[in-house]
C-alpha atoms as a PDB file:
ATOM      1  CA  UNK A   1     -34.023  44.934  32.595  1.00  0.00           C
ATOM      2  CA  UNK A   2     -32.514  42.942  29.554  1.00  0.00           C
ATOM      3  CA  UNK A   3     -34.775  41.799  26.632  1.00  0.00           C
ATOM      4  CA  UNK A   4     -35.462  38.344  25.458  1.00  0.00           C
ATOM      5  CA  UNK A   5     -33.210  39.162  22.574  1.00  0.00           C
ATOM      6  CA  UNK A   6     -30.366  40.004  24.909  1.00  0.00           C
ATOM      7  CA  UNK A   7     -30.697  36.854  26.636  1.00  0.00           C
ATOM      8  CA  UNK A   8     -30.795  34.787  23.239  1.00  0.00           C
ATOM      9  CA  UNK A   9     -27.804  36.658  22.041  1.00  0.00           C
ATOM     10  CA  UNK A  10     -25.837  36.207  24.924  1.00  0.00           C
ATOM     11  CA  UNK A  11     -26.651  32.323  25.143  1.00  0.00           C
ATOM     12  CA  UNK A  12     -25.600  32.295  21.826  1.00  0.00           C
ATOM     13  CA  UNK A  13     -22.188  33.886  22.303  1.00  0.00           C
ATOM     14  CA  UNK A  14     -21.595  31.455  25.186  1.00  0.00           C
ATOM     15  CA  UNK A  15     -22.302  28.512  22.973  1.00  0.00           C
ATOM     16  CA  UNK A  16     -19.960  30.133  20.023  1.00  0.00           C
ATOM     17  CA  UNK A  17     -17.035  31.268  22.474  1.00  0.00           C
ATOM     18  CA  UNK A  18     -17.229  29.928  26.004  1.00  0.00           C
ATOM     19  CA  UNK A  19     -17.860  26.250  25.837  1.00  0.00           C
ATOM     20  CA  UNK A  20     -15.464  25.526  23.167  1.00  0.00           C
ATOM     21  CA  UNK A  21     -12.605  27.446  25.563  1.00  0.00           C
ATOM     22  CA  UNK A  22     -13.499  25.742  28.290  1.00  0.00           C
ATOM     23  CA  UNK A  23     -13.470  22.228  26.557  1.00  0.00           C
ATOM     24  CA  UNK A  24      -9.865  23.908  25.223  1.00  0.00           C
ATOM     25  CA  UNK A  25      -8.690  24.202  28.636  1.00  0.00           C
ATOM     26  CA  UNK A  26      -9.328  20.774  29.638  1.00  0.00           C
ATOM     27  CA  UNK A  27      -7.478  19.426  26.948  1.00  0.00           C
ATOM     28  CA  UNK A  28     -10.663  18.535  24.955  1.00  0.00           C
ATOM     29  CA  UNK A  29     -11.486  19.571  21.309  1.00  0.00           C
ATOM     30  CA  UNK A  30     -14.753  19.806  19.964  1.00  0.00           C
ATOM     31  CA  UNK A  31     -13.849  18.529  16.776  1.00  0.00           C
ATOM     32  CA  UNK A  32     -10.402  16.711  17.132  1.00  0.00           C
ATOM     33  CA  UNK A  33     -11.604  13.629  16.120  1.00  0.00           C
ATOM     34  CA  UNK A  34     -12.644  14.977  12.704  1.00  0.00           C
ATOM     35  CA  UNK A  35      -9.123  16.496  12.364  1.00  0.00           C
ATOM     36  CA  UNK A  36      -7.923  12.787  12.846  1.00  0.00           C
ATOM     37  CA  UNK A  37     -10.112  11.407  10.399  1.00  0.00           C
ATOM     38  CA  UNK A  38      -9.054  13.671   7.911  1.00  0.00           C
ATOM     39  CA  UNK A  39      -5.339  13.100   8.679  1.00  0.00           C
ATOM     40  CA  UNK A  40      -6.062   9.471   8.977  1.00  0.00           C
ATOM     41  CA  UNK A  41      -7.597   9.292   5.431  1.00  0.00           C
ATOM     42  CA  UNK A  42      -4.717  11.245   3.933  1.00  0.00           C
ATOM     43  CA  UNK A  43      -1.958   8.369   5.069  1.00  0.00           C
ATOM     44  CA  UNK A  44      -4.434   5.780   3.830  1.00  0.00           C
ATOM     45  CA  UNK A  45      -4.500   7.478   0.510  1.00  0.00           C
ATOM     46  CA  UNK A  46      -0.317   7.421   0.547  1.00  0.00           C
ATOM     47  CA  UNK A  47      -0.496   4.177   1.769  1.00  0.00           C
ATOM     48  CA  UNK A  48      -2.796   3.069  -1.681  1.00  0.00           C
ATOM     49  CA  UNK A  49      -0.671   4.891  -4.133  1.00  0.00           C
ATOM     50  CA  UNK A  50       2.631   2.965  -2.781  1.00  0.00           C
ATOM     51  CA  UNK A  51       0.983   0.064  -2.761  1.00  0.00           C
ATOM     52  CA  UNK A  52      -0.332   0.363  -6.201  1.00  0.00           C
ATOM     53  CA  UNK A  53       3.076   1.344  -7.386  1.00  0.00           C
ATOM     54  CA  UNK A  54       5.085  -1.492  -5.840  1.00  0.00           C
ATOM     55  CA  UNK A  55       2.352  -4.126  -7.430  1.00  0.00           C
ATOM     56  CA  UNK A  56       2.789  -2.288 -10.930  1.00  0.00           C
ATOM     57  CA  UNK A  57       6.687  -2.889 -10.728  1.00  0.00           C
ATOM     58  CA  UNK A  58       5.817  -6.735  -9.504  1.00  0.00           C
ATOM     59  CA  UNK A  59       4.213  -7.688 -12.298  1.00  0.00           C
ATOM     60  CA  UNK A  60       7.145  -6.378 -14.381  1.00  0.00           C
ATOM     61  CA  UNK A  61       9.283  -8.563 -12.118  1.00  0.00           C
ATOM     62  CA  UNK A  62       7.625 -11.793 -12.625  1.00  0.00           C
ATOM     63  CA  UNK A  63       7.167 -11.313 -16.074  1.00  0.00           C
ATOM     64  CA  UNK A  64      10.907 -10.597 -16.842  1.00  0.00           C
ATOM     65  CA  UNK A  65      12.013 -13.343 -14.804  1.00  0.00           C
ATOM     66  CA  UNK A  66      10.223 -16.102 -16.396  1.00  0.00           C
ATOM     67  CA  UNK A  67      11.069 -14.474 -19.489  1.00  0.00           C
ATOM     68  CA  UNK A  68      14.866 -14.851 -18.157  1.00  0.00           C
ATOM     69  CA  UNK A  69      13.780 -18.609 -17.268  1.00  0.00           C
ATOM     70  CA  UNK A  70      12.343 -19.376 -21.308  1.00  0.00           C
ATOM     71  CA  UNK A  71      15.415 -18.272 -22.726  1.00  0.00           C
ATOM     72  CA  UNK A  72      17.535 -20.542 -20.344  1.00  0.00           C
ATOM     73  CA  UNK A  73      15.501 -23.387 -21.166  1.00  0.00           C
ATOM     74  CA  UNK A  74      15.507 -22.821 -25.029  1.00  0.00           C
ATOM     75  CA  UNK A  75      17.471 -25.820 -25.652  1.00  0.00           C
ATOM     76  CA  UNK A  76      17.844 -27.621 -29.164  1.00  0.00           C
ATOM     77  CA  UNK A  77      14.306 -28.373 -29.196  1.00  0.00           C
ATOM     78  CA  UNK A  78      11.729 -28.422 -32.256  1.00  0.00           C
ATOM     79  CA  UNK A  79       9.769 -25.141 -33.046  1.00  0.00           C
ATOM     80  CA  UNK A  80       6.542 -26.844 -32.281  1.00  0.00           C
ATOM     81  CA  UNK A  81       8.198 -27.708 -28.775  1.00  0.00           C
ATOM     82  CA  UNK A  82       9.422 -24.170 -28.130  1.00  0.00           C
ATOM     83  CA  UNK A  83       6.287 -22.758 -29.108  1.00  0.00           C
ATOM     84  CA  UNK A  84       4.274 -24.988 -26.562  1.00  0.00           C
ATOM     85  CA  UNK A  85       6.499 -23.897 -23.904  1.00  0.00           C
ATOM     86  CA  UNK A  86       6.474 -20.640 -24.941  1.00  0.00           C
ATOM     87  CA  UNK A  87       2.314 -20.654 -24.761  1.00  0.00           C
ATOM     88  CA  UNK A  88       1.745 -22.025 -21.852  1.00  0.00           C
ATOM     89  CA  UNK A  89       4.214 -19.708 -19.804  1.00  0.00           C
ATOM     90  CA  UNK A  90       2.467 -16.894 -21.461  1.00  0.00           C
ATOM     91  CA  UNK A  91      -0.935 -18.042 -20.390  1.00  0.00           C
ATOM     92  CA  UNK A  92       0.457 -18.597 -16.947  1.00  0.00           C
ATOM     93  CA  UNK A  93       1.730 -15.257 -16.974  1.00  0.00           C
ATOM     94  CA  UNK A  94      -1.586 -13.721 -17.719  1.00  0.00           C
ATOM     95  CA  UNK A  95      -3.209 -15.504 -15.022  1.00  0.00           C
ATOM     96  CA  UNK A  96      -0.746 -14.332 -12.525  1.00  0.00           C
ATOM     97  CA  UNK A  97      -1.270 -10.600 -13.771  1.00  0.00           C
ATOM     98  CA  UNK A  98      -4.939 -10.929 -13.671  1.00  0.00           C
ATOM     99  CA  UNK A  99      -5.070 -12.046 -10.229  1.00  0.00           C
ATOM    100  CA  UNK A 100      -2.472  -9.266  -9.398  1.00  0.00           C
ATOM    101  CA  UNK A 101      -4.607  -6.510 -11.261  1.00  0.00           C
ATOM    102  CA  UNK A 102      -7.566  -7.336  -8.976  1.00  0.00           C
ATOM    103  CA  UNK A 103      -5.070  -6.773  -5.812  1.00  0.00           C
ATOM    104  CA  UNK A 104      -4.448  -3.306  -7.662  1.00  0.00           C
ATOM    105  CA  UNK A 105      -7.818  -2.877  -8.236  1.00  0.00           C
ATOM    106  CA  UNK A 106      -8.550  -3.235  -4.391  1.00  0.00           C
ATOM    107  CA  UNK A 107      -5.849  -0.746  -3.876  1.00  0.00           C
ATOM    108  CA  UNK A 108      -7.345   1.627  -5.922  1.00  0.00           C
ATOM    109  CA  UNK A 109     -11.018   1.638  -4.372  1.00  0.00           C
ATOM    110  CA  UNK A 110      -9.229   1.990  -1.047  1.00  0.00           C
ATOM    111  CA  UNK A 111      -7.932   5.273  -2.446  1.00  0.00           C
ATOM    112  CA  UNK A 112     -10.840   6.425  -3.857  1.00  0.00           C
ATOM    113  CA  UNK A 113     -12.492   5.292  -0.302  1.00  0.00           C
ATOM    114  CA  UNK A 114     -10.018   7.523   1.811  1.00  0.00           C
ATOM    115  CA  UNK A 115     -10.315  10.480  -0.672  1.00  0.00           C
ATOM    116  CA  UNK A 116     -13.853  10.486  -0.286  1.00  0.00           C
ATOM    117  CA  UNK A 117     -13.607   9.975   3.724  1.00  0.00           C
ATOM    118  CA  UNK A 118     -11.143  12.955   3.953  1.00  0.00           C
ATOM    119  CA  UNK A 119     -13.919  14.740   1.867  1.00  0.00           C
ATOM    120  CA  UNK A 120     -16.509  14.071   4.380  1.00  0.00           C
ATOM    121  CA  UNK A 121     -14.190  14.949   7.045  1.00  0.00           C
ATOM    122  CA  UNK A 122     -13.515  18.503   5.956  1.00  0.00           C
ATOM    123  CA  UNK A 123     -16.976  19.396   4.718  1.00  0.00           C
ATOM    124  CA  UNK A 124     -20.608  19.483   5.921  1.00  0.00           C
ATOM    125  CA  UNK A 125     -21.601  18.632   2.174  1.00  0.00           C
ATOM    126  CA  UNK A 126     -22.504  15.039   3.320  1.00  0.00           C
ATOM    127  CA  UNK A 127     -25.237  14.352   0.648  1.00  0.00           C
ATOM    128  CA  UNK A 128     -23.022  15.000  -1.841  1.00  0.00           C
ATOM    129  CA  UNK A 129     -20.024  12.793  -0.791  1.00  0.00           C
ATOM    130  CA  UNK A 130     -22.721   9.987   0.427  1.00  0.00           C
ATOM    131  CA  UNK A 131     -22.761   8.053  -3.317  1.00  0.00           C
ATOM    132  CA  UNK A 132     -19.429   8.344  -3.334  1.00  0.00           C
ATOM    133  CA  UNK A 133     -18.665   6.183  -0.126  1.00  0.00           C
ATOM    134  CA  UNK A 134     -21.641   3.847  -1.094  1.00  0.00           C
ATOM    135  CA  UNK A 135     -20.114   3.238  -4.562  1.00  0.00           C
ATOM    136  CA  UNK A 136     -16.638   2.463  -3.121  1.00  0.00           C
ATOM    137  CA  UNK A 137     -17.498   0.525  -0.245  1.00  0.00           C
ATOM    138  CA  UNK A 138     -19.857  -1.888  -2.379  1.00  0.00           C
ATOM    139  CA  UNK A 139     -16.864  -2.093  -5.020  1.00  0.00           C
ATOM    140  CA  UNK A 140     -14.363  -2.905  -1.985  1.00  0.00           C
ATOM    141  CA  UNK A 141     -17.250  -5.761  -0.642  1.00  0.00           C
ATOM    142  CA  UNK A 142     -17.458  -7.190  -4.448  1.00  0.00           C
ATOM    143  CA  UNK A 143     -13.787  -7.341  -5.326  1.00  0.00           C
ATOM    144  CA  UNK A 144     -12.922  -8.676  -1.920  1.00  0.00           C
ATOM    145  CA  UNK A 145     -15.132 -11.906  -2.716  1.00  0.00           C
ATOM    146  CA  UNK A 146     -13.150 -12.140  -5.924  1.00  0.00           C
ATOM    147  CA  UNK A 147      -9.782 -12.027  -4.114  1.00  0.00           C
ATOM    148  CA  UNK A 148     -11.219 -14.732  -1.359  1.00  0.00           C
ATOM    149  CA  UNK A 149     -10.987 -17.017  -4.313  1.00  0.00           C
ATOM    150  CA  UNK A 150      -7.484 -16.550  -5.316  1.00  0.00           C
ATOM    151  CA  UNK A 151      -4.411 -19.064  -4.749  1.00  0.00           C
ATOM    152  CA  UNK A 152      -3.267 -16.731  -2.482  1.00  0.00           C
ATOM    153  CA  UNK A 153      -5.936 -16.122  -0.185  1.00  0.00           C
ATOM    154  CA  UNK A 154      -6.799 -20.105  -0.127  1.00  0.00           C
ATOM    155  CA  UNK A 155      -3.712 -20.920   0.635  1.00  0.00           C
ATOM    156  CA  UNK A 156      -3.490 -18.512   3.674  1.00  0.00           C
ATOM    157  CA  UNK A 157      -7.206 -19.153   4.789  1.00  0.00           C
ATOM    158  CA  UNK A 158      -7.872 -15.595   4.369  1.00  0.00           C
ATOM    159  CA  UNK A 159     -11.553 -16.139   5.007  1.00  0.00           C
ATOM    160  CA  UNK A 160     -10.817 -17.734   8.228  1.00  0.00           C
ATOM    161  CA  UNK A 161      -8.382 -15.182   9.443  1.00  0.00           C
ATOM    162  CA  UNK A 162     -11.120 -12.269   8.251  1.00  0.00           C
ATOM    163  CA  UNK A 163     -13.946 -14.205  10.422  1.00  0.00           C
ATOM    164  CA  UNK A 164     -11.785 -14.256  13.427  1.00  0.00           C
ATOM    165  CA  UNK A 165     -10.839 -10.792  13.119  1.00  0.00           C
ATOM    166  CA  UNK A 166     -14.202  -9.086  12.336  1.00  0.00           C
ATOM    167  CA  UNK A 167     -16.726  -8.514  15.187  1.00  0.00           C
ATOM    168  CA  UNK A 168     -16.148  -6.276  18.350  1.00  0.00           C
ATOM    169  CA  UNK A 169     -16.107  -3.054  16.262  1.00  0.00           C
ATOM    170  CA  UNK A 170     -17.470  -0.383  17.918  1.00  0.00           C
ATOM    171  CA  UNK A 171     -17.984   3.231  16.685  1.00  0.00           C
ATOM    172  CA  UNK A 172     -18.082   5.976  19.331  1.00  0.00           C
ATOM    173  CA  UNK A 173     -16.155   9.186  20.255  1.00  0.00           C
ATOM    174  CA  UNK A 174     -16.870  11.086  16.662  1.00  0.00           C
ATOM    175  CA  UNK A 175     -19.288  14.322  17.177  1.00  0.00           C
ATOM    176  CA  UNK A 176     -20.188  14.764  13.781  1.00  0.00           C
ATOM    177  CA  UNK A 177     -23.319  12.897  12.767  1.00  0.00           C
ATOM    178  CA  UNK A 178     -22.693  12.063   9.350  1.00  0.00           C
ATOM    179  CA  UNK A 179     -18.932  11.155  10.034  1.00  0.00           C
ATOM    180  CA  UNK A 180     -20.157   8.545  12.709  1.00  0.00           C
ATOM    181  CA  UNK A 181     -22.918   7.153  10.360  1.00  0.00           C
ATOM    182  CA  UNK A 182     -20.076   6.416   7.722  1.00  0.00           C
ATOM    183  CA  UNK A 183     -17.819   4.798  10.020  1.00  0.00           C
ATOM    184  CA  UNK A 184     -20.616   2.731  11.528  1.00  0.00           C
ATOM    185  CA  UNK A 185     -21.726   1.474   7.777  1.00  0.00           C
ATOM    186  CA  UNK A 186     -17.848   0.812   6.676  1.00  0.00           C
ATOM    187  CA  UNK A 187     -16.106  -0.496   9.594  1.00  0.00           C
ATOM    188  CA  UNK A 188     -16.280  -3.981   8.769  1.00  0.00           C
ATOM    189  CA  UNK A 189     -15.970  -3.440   5.008  1.00  0.00           C
ATOM    190  CA  UNK A 190     -12.852  -1.278   5.028  1.00  0.00           C
ATOM    191  CA  UNK A 191     -11.210  -3.545   8.160  1.00  0.00           C
ATOM    192  CA  UNK A 192     -12.001  -6.656   5.726  1.00  0.00           C
ATOM    193  CA  UNK A 193     -10.348  -5.113   3.137  1.00  0.00           C
ATOM    194  CA  UNK A 194      -7.150  -3.979   4.695  1.00  0.00           C
ATOM    195  CA  UNK A 195      -6.507  -7.665   6.360  1.00  0.00           C
ATOM    196  CA  UNK A 196      -7.121  -9.020   3.082  1.00  0.00           C
ATOM    197  CA  UNK A 197      -4.186  -6.570   1.728  1.00  0.00           C
ATOM    198  CA  UNK A 198      -2.180  -7.490   4.771  1.00  0.00           C
ATOM    199  CA  UNK A 199      -2.741 -11.195   3.816  1.00  0.00           C
ATOM    200  CA  UNK A 200      -2.293 -10.932  -0.157  1.00  0.00           C
ATOM    201  CA  UNK A 201       0.934  -8.917   0.164  1.00  0.00           C
ATOM    202  CA  UNK A 202       2.416 -11.563   2.436  1.00  0.00           C
ATOM    203  CA  UNK A 203       1.570 -14.327   0.136  1.00  0.00           C
ATOM    204  CA  UNK A 204       2.638 -12.306  -3.110  1.00  0.00           C
ATOM    205  CA  UNK A 205       5.847 -11.681  -1.310  1.00  0.00           C
ATOM    206  CA  UNK A 206       6.498 -15.482  -0.555  1.00  0.00           C
ATOM    207  CA  UNK A 207       5.468 -16.250  -4.516  1.00  0.00           C
ATOM    208  CA  UNK A 208       8.250 -13.441  -5.534  1.00  0.00           C
ATOM    209  CA  UNK A 209      11.213 -14.679  -3.450  1.00  0.00           C
ATOM    210  CA  UNK A 210      12.234 -17.004  -6.794  1.00  0.00           C
ATOM    211  CA  UNK A 211      11.658 -14.567  -9.487  1.00  0.00           C
ATOM    212  CA  UNK A 212      13.452 -12.228  -7.840  1.00  0.00           C
ATOM    213  CA  UNK A 213      16.326 -14.129  -7.486  1.00  0.00           C
ATOM    214  CA  UNK A 214      16.475 -14.849 -11.062  1.00  0.00           C
ATOM    215  CA  UNK A 215      16.508 -10.954 -11.915  1.00  0.00           C
ATOM    216  CA  UNK A 216      19.269 -10.739  -9.224  1.00  0.00           C
ATOM    217  CA  UNK A 217      21.456 -13.330 -10.688  1.00  0.00           C
ATOM    218  CA  UNK A 218      20.849 -11.605 -14.052  1.00  0.00           C
ATOM    219  CA  UNK A 219      21.963  -8.482 -12.757  1.00  0.00           C
ATOM    220  CA  UNK A 220      24.964  -9.887 -11.153  1.00  0.00           C
ATOM    221  CA  UNK A 221      26.087 -11.503 -14.479  1.00  0.00           C
ATOM    222  CA  UNK A 222      25.913  -8.108 -16.454  1.00  0.00           C
ATOM    223  CA  UNK A 223      27.358  -5.590 -13.520  1.00  0.00           C
ATOM    224  CA  UNK A 224      29.851  -8.104 -11.806  1.00  0.00           C
ATOM    225  CA  UNK A 225      30.699 -11.599 -13.231  1.00  0.00           C
ATOM    226  CA  UNK A 226      30.937 -10.024 -17.161  1.00  0.00           C
ATOM    227  CA  UNK A 227      33.303  -7.334 -16.400  1.00  0.00           C
ATOM    228  CA  UNK A 228      35.411  -9.538 -13.870  1.00  0.00           C
ATOM    229  CA  UNK A 229      35.900 -12.107 -17.079  1.00  0.00           C
ATOM    230  CA  UNK A 230      36.780  -9.512 -19.281  1.00  0.00           C
ATOM    231  CA  UNK A 231      40.396  -8.549 -19.730  1.00  0.00           C
ATOM    232  CA  UNK A 232      39.997  -5.319 -20.931  1.00  0.00           C
ATOM    233  CA  UNK A 233      37.933  -3.801 -18.105  1.00  0.00           C
ATOM    234  CA  UNK A 234      38.651  -2.853 -14.541  1.00  0.00           C
ATOM    235  CA  UNK A 235      41.608  -1.194 -15.311  1.00  0.00           C
ATOM    236  CA  UNK A 236      41.525   2.079 -13.646  1.00  0.00           C
ATOM    237  CA  UNK A 237      41.008   2.997  -9.774  1.00  0.00           C
ATOM    238  CA  UNK A 238      37.660   4.294 -10.752  1.00  0.00           C
ATOM    239  CA  UNK A 239      36.555   1.403 -12.577  1.00  0.00           C
ATOM    240  CA  UNK A 240      37.540  -0.814  -9.645  1.00  0.00           C
ATOM    241  CA  UNK A 241      35.788   1.033  -7.040  1.00  0.00           C
ATOM    242  CA  UNK A 242      32.305   1.200  -9.124  1.00  0.00           C
ATOM    243  CA  UNK A 243      32.824  -2.443  -9.773  1.00  0.00           C
ATOM    244  CA  UNK A 244      33.355  -3.423  -5.983  1.00  0.00           C
ATOM    245  CA  UNK A 245      29.838  -0.857  -5.326  1.00  0.00           C
ATOM    246  CA  UNK A 246      28.101  -3.141  -7.908  1.00  0.00           C
ATOM    247  CA  UNK A 247      29.188  -6.495  -6.171  1.00  0.00           C
ATOM    248  CA  UNK A 248      28.404  -5.728  -3.147  1.00  0.00           C
ATOM    249  CA  UNK A 249      25.014  -3.915  -3.805  1.00  0.00           C
ATOM    250  CA  UNK A 250      23.970  -6.873  -5.933  1.00  0.00           C
ATOM    251  CA  UNK A 251      24.897  -9.849  -3.329  1.00  0.00           C
ATOM    252  CA  UNK A 252      23.161  -7.768  -0.361  1.00  0.00           C
ATOM    253  CA  UNK A 253      20.124  -6.778  -2.678  1.00  0.00           C
ATOM    254  CA  UNK A 254      16.729  -7.579  -1.465  1.00  0.00           C
ATOM    255  CA  UNK A 255      15.116  -4.396  -2.270  1.00  0.00           C
ATOM    256  CA  UNK A 256      11.506  -5.509  -3.312  1.00  0.00           C
ATOM    257  CA  UNK A 257      11.206  -8.352  -0.693  1.00  0.00           C
ATOM    258  CA  UNK A 258      11.916  -5.186   1.763  1.00  0.00           C
ATOM    259  CA  UNK A 259       9.509  -2.954  -0.169  1.00  0.00           C
ATOM    260  CA  UNK A 260       6.814  -5.704   0.541  1.00  0.00           C
ATOM    261  CA  UNK A 261       7.588  -6.252   3.891  1.00  0.00           C
ATOM    262  CA  UNK A 262       7.199  -2.887   4.597  1.00  0.00           C
ATOM    263  CA  UNK A 263       4.043  -2.365   2.744  1.00  0.00           C
ATOM    264  CA  UNK A 264       2.839  -5.528   4.507  1.00  0.00           C
ATOM    265  CA  UNK A 265       3.551  -3.880   7.886  1.00  0.00           C
ATOM    266  CA  UNK A 266       1.874  -0.668   6.719  1.00  0.00           C
ATOM    267  CA  UNK A 267      -1.177  -2.483   5.745  1.00  0.00           C
ATOM    268  CA  UNK A 268      -1.141  -3.872   9.220  1.00  0.00           C
ATOM    269  CA  UNK A 269      -0.935  -0.767  11.172  1.00  0.00           C
ATOM    270  CA  UNK A 270      -3.346   0.717   8.611  1.00  0.00           C
ATOM    271  CA  UNK A 271      -5.899  -1.564   9.714  1.00  0.00           C
ATOM    272  CA  UNK A 272      -4.850  -1.247  13.357  1.00  0.00           C
ATOM    273  CA  UNK A 273      -5.532   2.449  12.988  1.00  0.00           C
ATOM    274  CA  UNK A 274      -8.724   2.502  11.285  1.00  0.00           C
ATOM    275  CA  UNK A 275     -10.005   0.408  14.608  1.00  0.00           C
ATOM    276  CA  UNK A 276      -8.501   2.843  16.770  1.00  0.00           C
ATOM    277  CA  UNK A 277     -10.226   5.572  14.729  1.00  0.00           C
ATOM    278  CA  UNK A 278     -13.565   3.817  14.871  1.00  0.00           C
ATOM    279  CA  UNK A 279     -13.536   3.493  18.708  1.00  0.00           C
ATOM    280  CA  UNK A 280     -12.639   6.724  19.339  1.00  0.00           C
ATOM    281  CA  UNK A 281      -9.197   6.073  20.323  1.00  0.00           C
ATOM    282  CA  UNK A 282      -6.732   7.027  17.776  1.00  0.00           C
ATOM    283  CA  UNK A 283      -4.380   9.848  19.148  1.00  0.00           C
ATOM    284  CA  UNK A 284      -2.824  12.985  16.983  1.00  0.00           C
ATOM    285  CA  UNK A 285       0.350  11.217  17.834  1.00  0.00           C
ATOM    286  CA  UNK A 286      -0.749   7.845  16.394  1.00  0.00           C
ATOM    287  CA  UNK A 287      -1.289   9.626  13.541  1.00  0.00           C
ATOM    288  CA  UNK A 288       1.886  11.128  13.150  1.00  0.00           C
ATOM    289  CA  UNK A 289       3.950   8.070  14.078  1.00  0.00           C
ATOM    290  CA  UNK A 290       2.244   6.085  10.943  1.00  0.00           C
ATOM    291  CA  UNK A 291       2.690   9.239   8.780  1.00  0.00           C
ATOM    292  CA  UNK A 292       6.515   8.491   9.865  1.00  0.00           C
ATOM    293  CA  UNK A 293       6.217   5.168   9.242  1.00  0.00           C
ATOM    294  CA  UNK A 294       4.570   5.091   5.728  1.00  0.00           C
ATOM    295  CA  UNK A 295       7.535   8.026   4.706  1.00  0.00           C
ATOM    296  CA  UNK A 296       9.913   5.347   5.292  1.00  0.00           C
ATOM    297  CA  UNK A 297       7.981   2.705   3.301  1.00  0.00           C
ATOM    298  CA  UNK A 298       7.374   4.929   0.576  1.00  0.00           C
ATOM    299  CA  UNK A 299      11.236   5.457   0.455  1.00  0.00           C
ATOM    300  CA  UNK A 300      11.720   1.607   0.171  1.00  0.00           C
ATOM    301  CA  UNK A 301       9.423   1.030  -2.696  1.00  0.00           C
ATOM    302  CA  UNK A 302      10.689   4.253  -4.632  1.00  0.00           C
ATOM    303  CA  UNK A 303      14.583   2.715  -3.705  1.00  0.00           C
ATOM    304  CA  UNK A 304      13.257  -0.402  -5.422  1.00  0.00           C
ATOM    305  CA  UNK A 305      11.456   1.383  -8.356  1.00  0.00           C
ATOM    306  CA  UNK A 306      14.436   3.063  -9.004  1.00  0.00           C
ATOM    307  CA  UNK A 307      16.673   0.073  -9.552  1.00  0.00           C
ATOM    308  CA  UNK A 308      13.841  -1.318 -11.838  1.00  0.00           C
ATOM    309  CA  UNK A 309      13.673   1.699 -14.003  1.00  0.00           C
ATOM    310  CA  UNK A 310      17.500   2.821 -13.765  1.00  0.00           C
ATOM    311  CA  UNK A 311      19.699  -0.619 -13.740  1.00  0.00           C
ATOM    312  CA  UNK A 312      22.709   1.003 -14.371  1.00  0.00           C
ATOM    313  CA  UNK A 313      26.232  -0.072 -13.227  1.00  0.00           C
ATOM    314  CA  UNK A 314      27.592   2.265 -10.896  1.00  0.00           C
ATOM    315  CA  UNK A 315      30.277   3.300 -13.291  1.00  0.00           C
ATOM    316  CA  UNK A 316      27.983   3.835 -16.040  1.00  0.00           C
ATOM    317  CA  UNK A 317      26.245   6.071 -13.516  1.00  0.00           C
ATOM    318  CA  UNK A 318      29.686   7.946 -12.659  1.00  0.00           C
ATOM    319  CA  UNK A 319      30.411   8.207 -16.250  1.00  0.00           C
ATOM    320  CA  UNK A 320      27.272  10.127 -17.104  1.00  0.00           C
END
């Protein structure tokens, strides 16, 4: 007759092998939601890195555009008037960069949160990771309040849009208790942060249109108009081909605006996938699709950054 120990061993084996096998056969998995959390967190980190890089370039674009405007308006004025004009614009640029820094700080906190969330999904050491999650959550709540006071947020009625979106968030379908607790505690905080990112990116993009056109006009003058007006230029077939490419590229250029459109869309998709994750409705194909879309967003941002860091003409690149 089988002993009590043998029954216990058989029961443990059934729990360890038979039940997971039956669930796999039925298309379910004990840990599938945990795996999705880990992959989603990785995408959140990638999103944050891309947006932070875009915002860094945006600050440079705005300051460069305002510098160009200052030089254009540097007429026959007295020294005092010129200094006053320069100081006023410098102060305005500093205020703009300070608000932009707040958005970058929020983006970096989102990155830190997604890194910590990925750790929580990949390990059982929830106690060690909890302080990290709590700190980033508090940081996001604090900086979110500051961002709601910016001109961008007030102009877009960000507070009203966030209030209308929050509510009805339900966390379910996550087997690991520590992970489920974290999603419940931070569901609204992350939703608020991502919606605020979406709104702010839209508003920054709207402000950027004029400054970006100044940068494009300057590039057009240097790479297209000046060579065309120089009688000693455009003498060979290669010169002409390169000039045509520069002219076409500059006229059609919308790199930074397209980068902001892509980043805004990524923020929206990340927020919607976060809601699906919290409600237990995020599917593997959703995560994979978002990862593909995010890859395209990163490509657009990288293309713009390449232009900013290497603004050579087509001829200059060909001669290298």
